[in-house]
């Protein structure tokens, strides 16, 4: 589902009552097109929600390859939040994400 926003109106980092930005919700639900559109509109990929979670860590948790790659390319901080994207990739044995992030894999 692609959400379309007029050029004025909704702030790109609008949050819900849990501190989730529209970008966090799109990333967590694997919506690559919506994630790209929000980033193009100025959404900050490093805004943490009220639980200290980042959009890229949510995408890693859900295994959304396209979203993880897109957020990483758009300068999402893989060490932001708790657990961060690197910790999540280690936890769920997502070696491809660790390689993308340039992080050594744990033995």
PDB file of N, CA and C in Angstrom:
ATOM      1  N   UNK A   1       0.848  -1.171   0.000  1.00  0.00           N
ATOM      2  CA  UNK A   1       0.000   0.000   0.000  1.00  0.00           C
ATOM      3  C   UNK A   1       0.893   1.232   0.000  1.00  0.00           C
ATOM      4  N   UNK A   2       0.820   2.031  -1.027  1.00  0.00           N
ATOM      5  CA  UNK A   2       1.594   3.252  -1.132  1.00  0.00           C
ATOM      6  C   UNK A   2       0.749   4.421  -0.670  1.00  0.00           C
ATOM      7  N   UNK A   3       1.291   5.179   0.269  1.00  0.00           N
ATOM      8  CA  UNK A   3       0.590   6.354   0.787  1.00  0.00           C
ATOM      9  C   UNK A   3       1.103   7.563   0.029  1.00  0.00           C
ATOM     10  N   UNK A   4       0.219   8.415  -0.409  1.00  0.00           N
ATOM     11  CA  UNK A   4       0.617   9.618  -1.125  1.00  0.00           C
ATOM     12  C   UNK A   4       0.335  10.844  -0.261  1.00  0.00           C
ATOM     13  N   UNK A   5       1.325  11.720  -0.154  1.00  0.00           N
ATOM     14  CA  UNK A   5       1.177  12.934   0.633  1.00  0.00           C
ATOM     15  C   UNK A   5       1.269  14.146  -0.281  1.00  0.00           C
ATOM     16  N   UNK A   6       0.456  15.135  -0.045  1.00  0.00           N
ATOM     17  CA  UNK A   6       0.626  16.380  -0.786  1.00  0.00           C
ATOM     18  C   UNK A   6       1.947  17.019  -0.375  1.00  0.00           C
ATOM     19  N   UNK A   7       2.447  17.952  -1.158  1.00  0.00           N
ATOM     20  CA  UNK A   7       3.738  18.572  -0.856  1.00  0.00           C
ATOM     21  C   UNK A   7       3.701  19.400   0.423  1.00  0.00           C
ATOM     22  N   UNK A   8       2.538  19.736   0.889  1.00  0.00           N
ATOM     23  CA  UNK A   8       2.436  20.424   2.175  1.00  0.00           C
ATOM     24  C   UNK A   8       1.482  19.629   3.048  1.00  0.00           C
ATOM     25  N   UNK A   9       1.578  19.841   4.335  1.00  0.00           N
ATOM     26  CA  UNK A   9       0.639  19.153   5.209  1.00  0.00           C
ATOM     27  C   UNK A   9       1.318  18.322   6.269  1.00  0.00           C
ATOM     28  N   UNK A  10       1.306  17.017   6.130  1.00  0.00           N
ATOM     29  CA  UNK A  10       1.789  16.104   7.156  1.00  0.00           C
ATOM     30  C   UNK A  10       3.306  16.218   7.314  1.00  0.00           C
ATOM     31  N   UNK A  11       3.770  16.468   8.543  1.00  0.00           N
ATOM     32  CA  UNK A  11       5.218  16.513   8.773  1.00  0.00           C
ATOM     33  C   UNK A  11       5.834  15.130   8.538  1.00  0.00           C
ATOM     34  N   UNK A  12       7.013  15.049   7.923  1.00  0.00           N
ATOM     35  CA  UNK A  12       7.591  13.753   7.586  1.00  0.00           C
ATOM     36  C   UNK A  12       7.968  12.910   8.803  1.00  0.00           C
ATOM     37  N   UNK A  13       8.116  13.529   9.976  1.00  0.00           N
ATOM     38  CA  UNK A  13       8.478  12.771  11.177  1.00  0.00           C
ATOM     39  C   UNK A  13       7.342  12.721  12.200  1.00  0.00           C
ATOM     40  N   UNK A  14       6.118  12.824  11.703  1.00  0.00           N
ATOM     41  CA  UNK A  14       4.931  12.711  12.544  1.00  0.00           C
ATOM     42  C   UNK A  14       4.958  11.382  13.295  1.00  0.00           C
ATOM     43  N   UNK A  15       4.589  11.401  14.579  1.00  0.00           N
ATOM     44  CA  UNK A  15       4.587  10.176  15.376  1.00  0.00           C
ATOM     45  C   UNK A  15       3.189   9.865  15.912  1.00  0.00           C
ATOM     46  N   UNK A  16       2.999   8.594  16.234  1.00  0.00           N
ATOM     47  CA  UNK A  16       1.766   8.182  16.901  1.00  0.00           C
ATOM     48  C   UNK A  16       1.988   8.235  18.414  1.00  0.00           C
ATOM     49  N   UNK A  17       1.051   7.732  19.174  1.00  0.00           N
ATOM     50  CA  UNK A  17       1.130   7.814  20.640  1.00  0.00           C
ATOM     51  C   UNK A  17       2.269   6.986  21.229  1.00  0.00           C
ATOM     52  N   UNK A  18       2.856   6.093  20.441  1.00  0.00           N
ATOM     53  CA  UNK A  18       3.985   5.274  20.900  1.00  0.00           C
ATOM     54  C   UNK A  18       5.322   5.806  20.400  1.00  0.00           C
ATOM     55  N   UNK A  19       5.278   6.948  19.724  1.00  0.00           N
ATOM     56  CA  UNK A  19       6.503   7.534  19.199  1.00  0.00           C
ATOM     57  C   UNK A  19       6.953   6.944  17.878  1.00  0.00           C
ATOM     58  N   UNK A  20       6.124   6.108  17.267  1.00  0.00           N
ATOM     59  CA  UNK A  20       6.469   5.531  15.968  1.00  0.00           C
ATOM     60  C   UNK A  20       6.230   6.567  14.878  1.00  0.00           C
ATOM     61  N   UNK A  21       7.268   6.828  14.088  1.00  0.00           N
ATOM     62  CA  UNK A  21       7.094   7.695  12.930  1.00  0.00           C
ATOM     63  C   UNK A  21       6.416   6.899  11.819  1.00  0.00           C
ATOM     64  N   UNK A  22       5.944   7.614  10.821  1.00  0.00           N
ATOM     65  CA  UNK A  22       5.386   6.937   9.652  1.00  0.00           C
ATOM     66  C   UNK A  22       6.458   6.044   9.012  1.00  0.00           C
ATOM     67  N   UNK A  23       7.718   6.517   9.038  1.00  0.00           N
ATOM     68  CA  UNK A  23       8.811   5.725   8.490  1.00  0.00           C
ATOM     69  C   UNK A  23       9.005   4.437   9.285  1.00  0.00           C
ATOM     70  N   UNK A  24       8.940   4.520  10.599  1.00  0.00           N
ATOM     71  CA  UNK A  24       9.069   3.319  11.439  1.00  0.00           C
ATOM     72  C   UNK A  24       7.993   2.308  11.072  1.00  0.00           C
ATOM     73  N   UNK A  25       6.763   2.767  10.932  1.00  0.00           N
ATOM     74  CA  UNK A  25       5.659   1.867  10.612  1.00  0.00           C
ATOM     75  C   UNK A  25       5.824   1.243   9.233  1.00  0.00           C
ATOM     76  N   UNK A  26       6.226   2.045   8.260  1.00  0.00           N
ATOM     77  CA  UNK A  26       6.438   1.522   6.907  1.00  0.00           C
ATOM     78  C   UNK A  26       7.576   0.506   6.895  1.00  0.00           C
ATOM     79  N   UNK A  27       8.679   0.833   7.581  1.00  0.00           N
ATOM     80  CA  UNK A  27       9.839  -0.060   7.611  1.00  0.00           C
ATOM     81  C   UNK A  27       9.492  -1.373   8.308  1.00  0.00           C
ATOM     82  N   UNK A  28       8.837  -1.294   9.437  1.00  0.00           N
ATOM     83  CA  UNK A  28       8.493  -2.480  10.216  1.00  0.00           C
ATOM     84  C   UNK A  28       7.570  -3.412   9.436  1.00  0.00           C
ATOM     85  N   UNK A  29       6.709  -2.834   8.621  1.00  0.00           N
ATOM     86  CA  UNK A  29       5.756  -3.639   7.862  1.00  0.00           C
ATOM     87  C   UNK A  29       6.245  -3.976   6.459  1.00  0.00           C
ATOM     88  N   UNK A  30       7.537  -3.719   6.188  1.00  0.00           N
ATOM     89  CA  UNK A  30       8.142  -4.143   4.931  1.00  0.00           C
ATOM     90  C   UNK A  30       7.681  -3.391   3.707  1.00  0.00           C
ATOM     91  N   UNK A  31       7.228  -2.174   3.889  1.00  0.00           N
ATOM     92  CA  UNK A  31       6.704  -1.367   2.784  1.00  0.00           C
ATOM     93  C   UNK A  31       7.824  -0.543   2.145  1.00  0.00           C
ATOM     94  N   UNK A  32       8.567  -1.164   1.232  1.00  0.00           N
ATOM     95  CA  UNK A  32       9.744  -0.515   0.632  1.00  0.00           C
ATOM     96  C   UNK A  32       9.376   0.756  -0.145  1.00  0.00           C
ATOM     97  N   UNK A  33       8.317   0.716  -0.917  1.00  0.00           N
ATOM     98  CA  UNK A  33       7.929   1.890  -1.706  1.00  0.00           C
ATOM     99  C   UNK A  33       7.544   3.057  -0.797  1.00  0.00           C
ATOM    100  N   UNK A  34       6.791   2.761   0.234  1.00  0.00           N
ATOM    101  CA  UNK A  34       6.382   3.810   1.172  1.00  0.00           C
ATOM    102  C   UNK A  34       7.589   4.324   1.949  1.00  0.00           C
ATOM    103  N   UNK A  35       8.480   3.419   2.344  1.00  0.00           N
ATOM    104  CA  UNK A  35       9.715   3.820   3.026  1.00  0.00           C
ATOM    105  C   UNK A  35      10.509   4.783   2.154  1.00  0.00           C
ATOM    106  N   UNK A  36      10.675   4.453   0.883  1.00  0.00           N
ATOM    107  CA  UNK A  36      11.418   5.317  -0.043  1.00  0.00           C
ATOM    108  C   UNK A  36      10.747   6.672  -0.181  1.00  0.00           C
ATOM    109  N   UNK A  37       9.425   6.671  -0.341  1.00  0.00           N
ATOM    110  CA  UNK A  37       8.693   7.923  -0.500  1.00  0.00           C
ATOM    111  C   UNK A  37       8.861   8.810   0.726  1.00  0.00           C
ATOM    112  N   UNK A  38       8.758   8.224   1.916  1.00  0.00           N
ATOM    113  CA  UNK A  38       8.915   9.009   3.144  1.00  0.00           C
ATOM    114  C   UNK A  38      10.328   9.577   3.263  1.00  0.00           C
ATOM    115  N   UNK A  39      11.332   8.771   2.925  1.00  0.00           N
ATOM    116  CA  UNK A  39      12.713   9.272   2.941  1.00  0.00           C
ATOM    117  C   UNK A  39      12.890  10.401   1.932  1.00  0.00           C
ATOM    118  N   UNK A  40      12.305  10.239   0.758  1.00  0.00           N
ATOM    119  CA  UNK A  40      12.375  11.288  -0.270  1.00  0.00           C
ATOM    120  C   UNK A  40      11.707  12.575   0.203  1.00  0.00           C
ATOM    121  N   UNK A  41      10.709  12.458   1.069  1.00  0.00           N
ATOM    122  CA  UNK A  41       9.986  13.622   1.594  1.00  0.00           C
ATOM    123  C   UNK A  41      10.654  14.216   2.832  1.00  0.00           C
ATOM    124  N   UNK A  42      11.791  13.630   3.255  1.00  0.00           N
ATOM    125  CA  UNK A  42      12.543  14.214   4.360  1.00  0.00           C
ATOM    126  C   UNK A  42      12.419  13.511   5.693  1.00  0.00           C
ATOM    127  N   UNK A  43      11.815  12.320   5.722  1.00  0.00           N
ATOM    128  CA  UNK A  43      11.729  11.578   6.979  1.00  0.00           C
ATOM    129  C   UNK A  43      13.138  11.215   7.452  1.00  0.00           C
ATOM    130  N   UNK A  44      13.359  11.327   8.743  1.00  0.00           N
ATOM    131  CA  UNK A  44      14.655  11.037   9.350  1.00  0.00           C
ATOM    132  C   UNK A  44      14.735   9.549   9.688  1.00  0.00           C
ATOM    133  N   UNK A  45      15.687   8.804   9.094  1.00  0.00           N
ATOM    134  CA  UNK A  45      15.770   7.364   9.349  1.00  0.00           C
ATOM    135  C   UNK A  45      16.302   7.015  10.731  1.00  0.00           C
ATOM    136  N   UNK A  46      16.687   8.018  11.517  1.00  0.00           N
ATOM    137  CA  UNK A  46      17.290   7.752  12.822  1.00  0.00           C
ATOM    138  C   UNK A  46      16.441   8.182  14.014  1.00  0.00           C
ATOM    139  N   UNK A  47      15.169   8.476  13.780  1.00  0.00           N
ATOM    140  CA  UNK A  47      14.275   8.822  14.884  1.00  0.00           C
ATOM    141  C   UNK A  47      13.872   7.533  15.597  1.00  0.00           C
ATOM    142  N   UNK A  48      14.121   7.490  16.899  1.00  0.00           N
ATOM    143  CA  UNK A  48      13.755   6.327  17.711  1.00  0.00           C
ATOM    144  C   UNK A  48      12.344   6.502  18.261  1.00  0.00           C
ATOM    145  N   UNK A  49      11.645   5.386  18.436  1.00  0.00           N
ATOM    146  CA  UNK A  49      10.317   5.463  19.044  1.00  0.00           C
ATOM    147  C   UNK A  49      10.456   5.507  20.568  1.00  0.00           C
ATOM    148  N   UNK A  50       9.347   5.518  21.276  1.00  0.00           N
ATOM    149  CA  UNK A  50       9.367   5.630  22.736  1.00  0.00           C
ATOM    150  C   UNK A  50      10.015   4.426  23.424  1.00  0.00           C
ATOM    151  N   UNK A  51      10.161   3.321  22.709  1.00  0.00           N
ATOM    152  CA  UNK A  51      10.820   2.129  23.261  1.00  0.00           C
ATOM    153  C   UNK A  51      12.301   2.087  22.884  1.00  0.00           C
ATOM    154  N   UNK A  52      12.785   3.141  22.223  1.00  0.00           N
ATOM    155  CA  UNK A  52      14.187   3.210  21.834  1.00  0.00           C
ATOM    156  C   UNK A  52      14.534   2.363  20.626  1.00  0.00           C
ATOM    157  N   UNK A  53      13.543   2.081  19.778  1.00  0.00           N
ATOM    158  CA  UNK A  53      13.754   1.260  18.590  1.00  0.00           C
ATOM    159  C   UNK A  53      13.902   2.139  17.351  1.00  0.00           C
ATOM    160  N   UNK A  54      14.740   1.687  16.418  1.00  0.00           N
ATOM    161  CA  UNK A  54      14.957   2.422  15.175  1.00  0.00           C
ATOM    162  C   UNK A  54      14.249   1.728  14.016  1.00  0.00           C
ATOM    163  N   UNK A  55      13.956   2.482  12.956  1.00  0.00           N
ATOM    164  CA  UNK A  55      13.331   1.863  11.783  1.00  0.00           C
ATOM    165  C   UNK A  55      14.160   0.723  11.197  1.00  0.00           C
ATOM    166  N   UNK A  56      15.492   0.904  11.120  1.00  0.00           N
ATOM    167  CA  UNK A  56      16.309  -0.149  10.502  1.00  0.00           C
ATOM    168  C   UNK A  56      16.352  -1.397  11.374  1.00  0.00           C
ATOM    169  N   UNK A  57      16.364  -1.240  12.677  1.00  0.00           N
ATOM    170  CA  UNK A  57      16.331  -2.420  13.553  1.00  0.00           C
ATOM    171  C   UNK A  57      15.009  -3.158  13.401  1.00  0.00           C
ATOM    172  N   UNK A  58      13.916  -2.416  13.255  1.00  0.00           N
ATOM    173  CA  UNK A  58      12.615  -3.049  13.026  1.00  0.00           C
ATOM    174  C   UNK A  58      12.585  -3.820  11.723  1.00  0.00           C
ATOM    175  N   UNK A  59      13.187  -3.254  10.687  1.00  0.00           N
ATOM    176  CA  UNK A  59      13.237  -3.929   9.383  1.00  0.00           C
ATOM    177  C   UNK A  59      14.123  -5.172   9.450  1.00  0.00           C
ATOM    178  N   UNK A  60      15.224  -5.100  10.204  1.00  0.00           N
ATOM    179  CA  UNK A  60      16.080  -6.277  10.394  1.00  0.00           C
ATOM    180  C   UNK A  60      15.285  -7.370  11.109  1.00  0.00           C
ATOM    181  N   UNK A  61      14.610  -6.996  12.186  1.00  0.00           N
ATOM    182  CA  UNK A  61      13.798  -7.949  12.950  1.00  0.00           C
ATOM    183  C   UNK A  61      12.785  -8.657  12.055  1.00  0.00           C
ATOM    184  N   UNK A  62      12.135  -7.904  11.187  1.00  0.00           N
ATOM    185  CA  UNK A  62      11.106  -8.467  10.315  1.00  0.00           C
ATOM    186  C   UNK A  62      11.685  -9.159   9.081  1.00  0.00           C
ATOM    187  N   UNK A  63      12.986  -8.967   8.806  1.00  0.00           N
ATOM    188  CA  UNK A  63      13.606  -9.600   7.645  1.00  0.00           C
ATOM    189  C   UNK A  63      13.218  -8.957   6.329  1.00  0.00           C
ATOM    190  N   UNK A  64      13.010  -7.662   6.338  1.00  0.00           N
ATOM    191  CA  UNK A  64      12.606  -6.917   5.135  1.00  0.00           C
ATOM    192  C   UNK A  64      13.845  -6.446   4.375  1.00  0.00           C
ATOM    193  N   UNK A  65      14.368  -7.316   3.521  1.00  0.00           N
ATOM    194  CA  UNK A  65      15.638  -7.060   2.840  1.00  0.00           C
ATOM    195  C   UNK A  65      15.678  -5.727   2.099  1.00  0.00           C
ATOM    196  N   UNK A  66      14.662  -5.450   1.291  1.00  0.00           N
ATOM    197  CA  UNK A  66      14.648  -4.213   0.506  1.00  0.00           C
ATOM    198  C   UNK A  66      14.635  -2.983   1.403  1.00  0.00           C
ATOM    199  N   UNK A  67      13.894  -3.053   2.485  1.00  0.00           N
ATOM    200  CA  UNK A  67      13.791  -1.918   3.409  1.00  0.00           C
ATOM    201  C   UNK A  67      15.106  -1.720   4.158  1.00  0.00           C
ATOM    202  N   UNK A  68      15.717  -2.805   4.612  1.00  0.00           N
ATOM    203  CA  UNK A  68      17.005  -2.705   5.306  1.00  0.00           C
ATOM    204  C   UNK A  68      18.032  -2.046   4.397  1.00  0.00           C
ATOM    205  N   UNK A  69      18.132  -2.523   3.173  1.00  0.00           N
ATOM    206  CA  UNK A  69      19.111  -1.968   2.227  1.00  0.00           C
ATOM    207  C   UNK A  69      18.838  -0.488   1.961  1.00  0.00           C
ATOM    208  N   UNK A  70      17.588  -0.137   1.746  1.00  0.00           N
ATOM    209  CA  UNK A  70      17.215   1.244   1.470  1.00  0.00           C
ATOM    210  C   UNK A  70      17.569   2.156   2.646  1.00  0.00           C
ATOM    211  N   UNK A  71      17.204   1.759   3.854  1.00  0.00           N
ATOM    212  CA  UNK A  71      17.502   2.570   5.037  1.00  0.00           C
ATOM    213  C   UNK A  71      19.009   2.708   5.238  1.00  0.00           C
ATOM    214  N   UNK A  72      19.747   1.628   5.036  1.00  0.00           N
ATOM    215  CA  UNK A  72      21.202   1.678   5.184  1.00  0.00           C
ATOM    216  C   UNK A  72      21.806   2.641   4.163  1.00  0.00           C
ATOM    217  N   UNK A  73      21.345   2.559   2.918  1.00  0.00           N
ATOM    218  CA  UNK A  73      21.839   3.457   1.863  1.00  0.00           C
ATOM    219  C   UNK A  73      21.504   4.917   2.163  1.00  0.00           C
ATOM    220  N   UNK A  74      20.433   5.136   2.916  1.00  0.00           N
ATOM    221  CA  UNK A  74      20.010   6.497   3.260  1.00  0.00           C
ATOM    222  C   UNK A  74      20.541   6.932   4.618  1.00  0.00           C
ATOM    223  N   UNK A  75      21.595   6.296   5.069  1.00  0.00           N
ATOM    224  CA  UNK A  75      22.351   6.711   6.266  1.00  0.00           C
ATOM    225  C   UNK A  75      21.659   6.426   7.589  1.00  0.00           C
ATOM    226  N   UNK A  76      20.848   5.370   7.636  1.00  0.00           N
ATOM    227  CA  UNK A  76      20.302   4.950   8.926  1.00  0.00           C
ATOM    228  C   UNK A  76      21.462   4.460   9.789  1.00  0.00           C
ATOM    229  N   UNK A  77      21.468   4.853  11.035  1.00  0.00           N
ATOM    230  CA  UNK A  77      22.524   4.475  11.972  1.00  0.00           C
ATOM    231  C   UNK A  77      22.256   3.061  12.484  1.00  0.00           C
ATOM    232  N   UNK A  78      23.103   2.110  12.097  1.00  0.00           N
ATOM    233  CA  UNK A  78      22.891   0.716  12.474  1.00  0.00           C
ATOM    234  C   UNK A  78      23.190   0.466  13.952  1.00  0.00           C
ATOM    235  N   UNK A  79      23.766   1.468  14.631  1.00  0.00           N
ATOM    236  CA  UNK A  79      24.056   1.347  16.063  1.00  0.00           C
ATOM    237  C   UNK A  79      23.080   2.145  16.936  1.00  0.00           C
ATOM    238  N   UNK A  80      22.081   2.773  16.326  1.00  0.00           N
ATOM    239  CA  UNK A  80      21.104   3.557  17.088  1.00  0.00           C
ATOM    240  C   UNK A  80      20.045   2.639  17.673  1.00  0.00           C
ATOM    241  N   UNK A  81      19.606   2.970  18.866  1.00  0.00           N
ATOM    242  CA  UNK A  81      18.496   2.250  19.480  1.00  0.00           C
ATOM    243  C   UNK A  81      18.929   1.028  20.257  1.00  0.00           C
ATOM    244  N   UNK A  82      17.909   0.402  20.841  1.00  0.00           N
ATOM    245  CA  UNK A  82      18.157  -0.775  21.661  1.00  0.00           C
ATOM    246  C   UNK A  82      17.024  -1.764  21.512  1.00  0.00           C
ATOM    247  N   UNK A  83      17.219  -2.961  21.000  1.00  0.00           N
ATOM    248  CA  UNK A  83      18.470  -3.387  20.402  1.00  0.00           C
ATOM    249  C   UNK A  83      18.667  -2.687  19.072  1.00  0.00           C
ATOM    250  N   UNK A  84      19.919  -2.449  18.718  1.00  0.00           N
ATOM    251  CA  UNK A  84      20.189  -1.774  17.447  1.00  0.00           C
ATOM    252  C   UNK A  84      20.167  -2.792  16.301  1.00  0.00           C
ATOM    253  N   UNK A  85      20.333  -2.299  15.080  1.00  0.00           N
ATOM    254  CA  UNK A  85      20.240  -3.163  13.901  1.00  0.00           C
ATOM    255  C   UNK A  85      21.337  -4.227  13.892  1.00  0.00           C
ATOM    256  N   UNK A  86      22.537  -3.872  14.333  1.00  0.00           N
ATOM    257  CA  UNK A  86      23.630  -4.838  14.376  1.00  0.00           C
ATOM    258  C   UNK A  86      23.323  -5.933  15.394  1.00  0.00           C
ATOM    259  N   UNK A  87      22.883  -5.538  16.598  1.00  0.00           N
ATOM    260  CA  UNK A  87      22.521  -6.528  17.620  1.00  0.00           C
ATOM    261  C   UNK A  87      21.408  -7.454  17.112  1.00  0.00           C
ATOM    262  N   UNK A  88      20.425  -6.874  16.446  1.00  0.00           N
ATOM    263  CA  UNK A  88      19.316  -7.668  15.917  1.00  0.00           C
ATOM    264  C   UNK A  88      19.794  -8.636  14.837  1.00  0.00           C
ATOM    265  N   UNK A  89      20.695  -8.185  13.985  1.00  0.00           N
ATOM    266  CA  UNK A  89      21.228  -9.054  12.931  1.00  0.00           C
ATOM    267  C   UNK A  89      22.015 -10.211  13.544  1.00  0.00           C
ATOM    268  N   UNK A  90      22.798  -9.933  14.587  1.00  0.00           N
ATOM    269  CA  UNK A  90      23.513 -11.008  15.286  1.00  0.00           C
ATOM    270  C   UNK A  90      22.512 -11.968  15.930  1.00  0.00           C
ATOM    271  N   UNK A  91      21.528 -11.420  16.628  1.00  0.00           N
ATOM    272  CA  UNK A  91      20.556 -12.219  17.370  1.00  0.00           C
ATOM    273  C   UNK A  91      19.801 -13.186  16.459  1.00  0.00           C
ATOM    274  N   UNK A  92      19.414 -12.697  15.278  1.00  0.00           N
ATOM    275  CA  UNK A  92      18.604 -13.508  14.371  1.00  0.00           C
ATOM    276  C   UNK A  92      19.423 -14.139  13.246  1.00  0.00           C
ATOM    277  N   UNK A  93      20.746 -14.092  13.399  1.00  0.00           N
ATOM    278  CA  UNK A  93      21.675 -14.716  12.443  1.00  0.00           C
ATOM    279  C   UNK A  93      21.426 -14.250  11.012  1.00  0.00           C
ATOM    280  N   UNK A  94      21.334 -12.945  10.861  1.00  0.00           N
ATOM    281  CA  UNK A  94      21.135 -12.339   9.536  1.00  0.00           C
ATOM    282  C   UNK A  94      22.507 -11.921   8.992  1.00  0.00           C
ATOM    283  N   UNK A  95      23.273 -12.914   8.537  1.00  0.00           N
ATOM    284  CA  UNK A  95      24.636 -12.662   8.086  1.00  0.00           C
ATOM    285  C   UNK A  95      24.703 -11.678   6.921  1.00  0.00           C
ATOM    286  N   UNK A  96      23.719 -11.732   6.026  1.00  0.00           N
ATOM    287  CA  UNK A  96      23.713 -10.808   4.885  1.00  0.00           C
ATOM    288  C   UNK A  96      23.643  -9.351   5.352  1.00  0.00           C
ATOM    289  N   UNK A  97      22.877  -9.098   6.414  1.00  0.00           N
ATOM    290  CA  UNK A  97      22.773  -7.733   6.934  1.00  0.00           C
ATOM    291  C   UNK A  97      24.091  -7.306   7.567  1.00  0.00           C
ATOM    292  N   UNK A  98      24.730  -8.215   8.291  1.00  0.00           N
ATOM    293  CA  UNK A  98      26.020  -7.887   8.910  1.00  0.00           C
ATOM    294  C   UNK A  98      27.057  -7.557   7.842  1.00  0.00           C
ATOM    295  N   UNK A  99      27.046  -8.321   6.747  1.00  0.00           N
ATOM    296  CA  UNK A  99      27.948  -8.035   5.630  1.00  0.00           C
ATOM    297  C   UNK A  99      27.631  -6.666   5.036  1.00  0.00           C
ATOM    298  N   UNK A 100      26.365  -6.375   4.812  1.00  0.00           N
ATOM    299  CA  UNK A 100      25.951  -5.068   4.306  1.00  0.00           C
ATOM    300  C   UNK A 100      26.439  -3.944   5.208  1.00  0.00           C
ATOM    301  N   UNK A 101      26.321  -4.134   6.509  1.00  0.00           N
ATOM    302  CA  UNK A 101      26.715  -3.110   7.489  1.00  0.00           C
ATOM    303  C   UNK A 101      28.224  -3.010   7.662  1.00  0.00           C
ATOM    304  N   UNK A 102      28.972  -3.986   7.093  1.00  0.00           N
ATOM    305  CA  UNK A 102      30.422  -3.984   7.252  1.00  0.00           C
ATOM    306  C   UNK A 102      30.866  -4.384   8.634  1.00  0.00           C
ATOM    307  N   UNK A 103      30.111  -5.273   9.263  1.00  0.00           N
ATOM    308  CA  UNK A 103      30.371  -5.696  10.638  1.00  0.00           C
ATOM    309  C   UNK A 103      30.866  -7.130  10.632  1.00  0.00           C
ATOM    310  N   UNK A 104      31.883  -7.407  11.439  1.00  0.00           N
ATOM    311  CA  UNK A 104      32.374  -8.765  11.586  1.00  0.00           C
ATOM    312  C   UNK A 104      31.315  -9.631  12.251  1.00  0.00           C
ATOM    313  N   UNK A 105      31.221 -10.847  11.776  1.00  0.00           N
ATOM    314  CA  UNK A 105      30.251 -11.775  12.339  1.00  0.00           C
ATOM    315  C   UNK A 105      30.847 -12.484  13.544  1.00  0.00           C
ATOM    316  N   UNK A 106      30.022 -12.713  14.547  1.00  0.00           N
ATOM    317  CA  UNK A 106      30.460 -13.403  15.757  1.00  0.00           C
ATOM    318  C   UNK A 106      30.544 -14.902  15.477  1.00  0.00           C
ATOM    319  N   UNK A 107      31.506 -15.532  16.097  1.00  0.00           N
ATOM    320  CA  UNK A 107      31.674 -16.995  15.941  1.00  0.00           C
ATOM    321  C   UNK A 107      30.934 -17.723  17.027  1.00  0.00           C
TER     322      UNK A 107
END
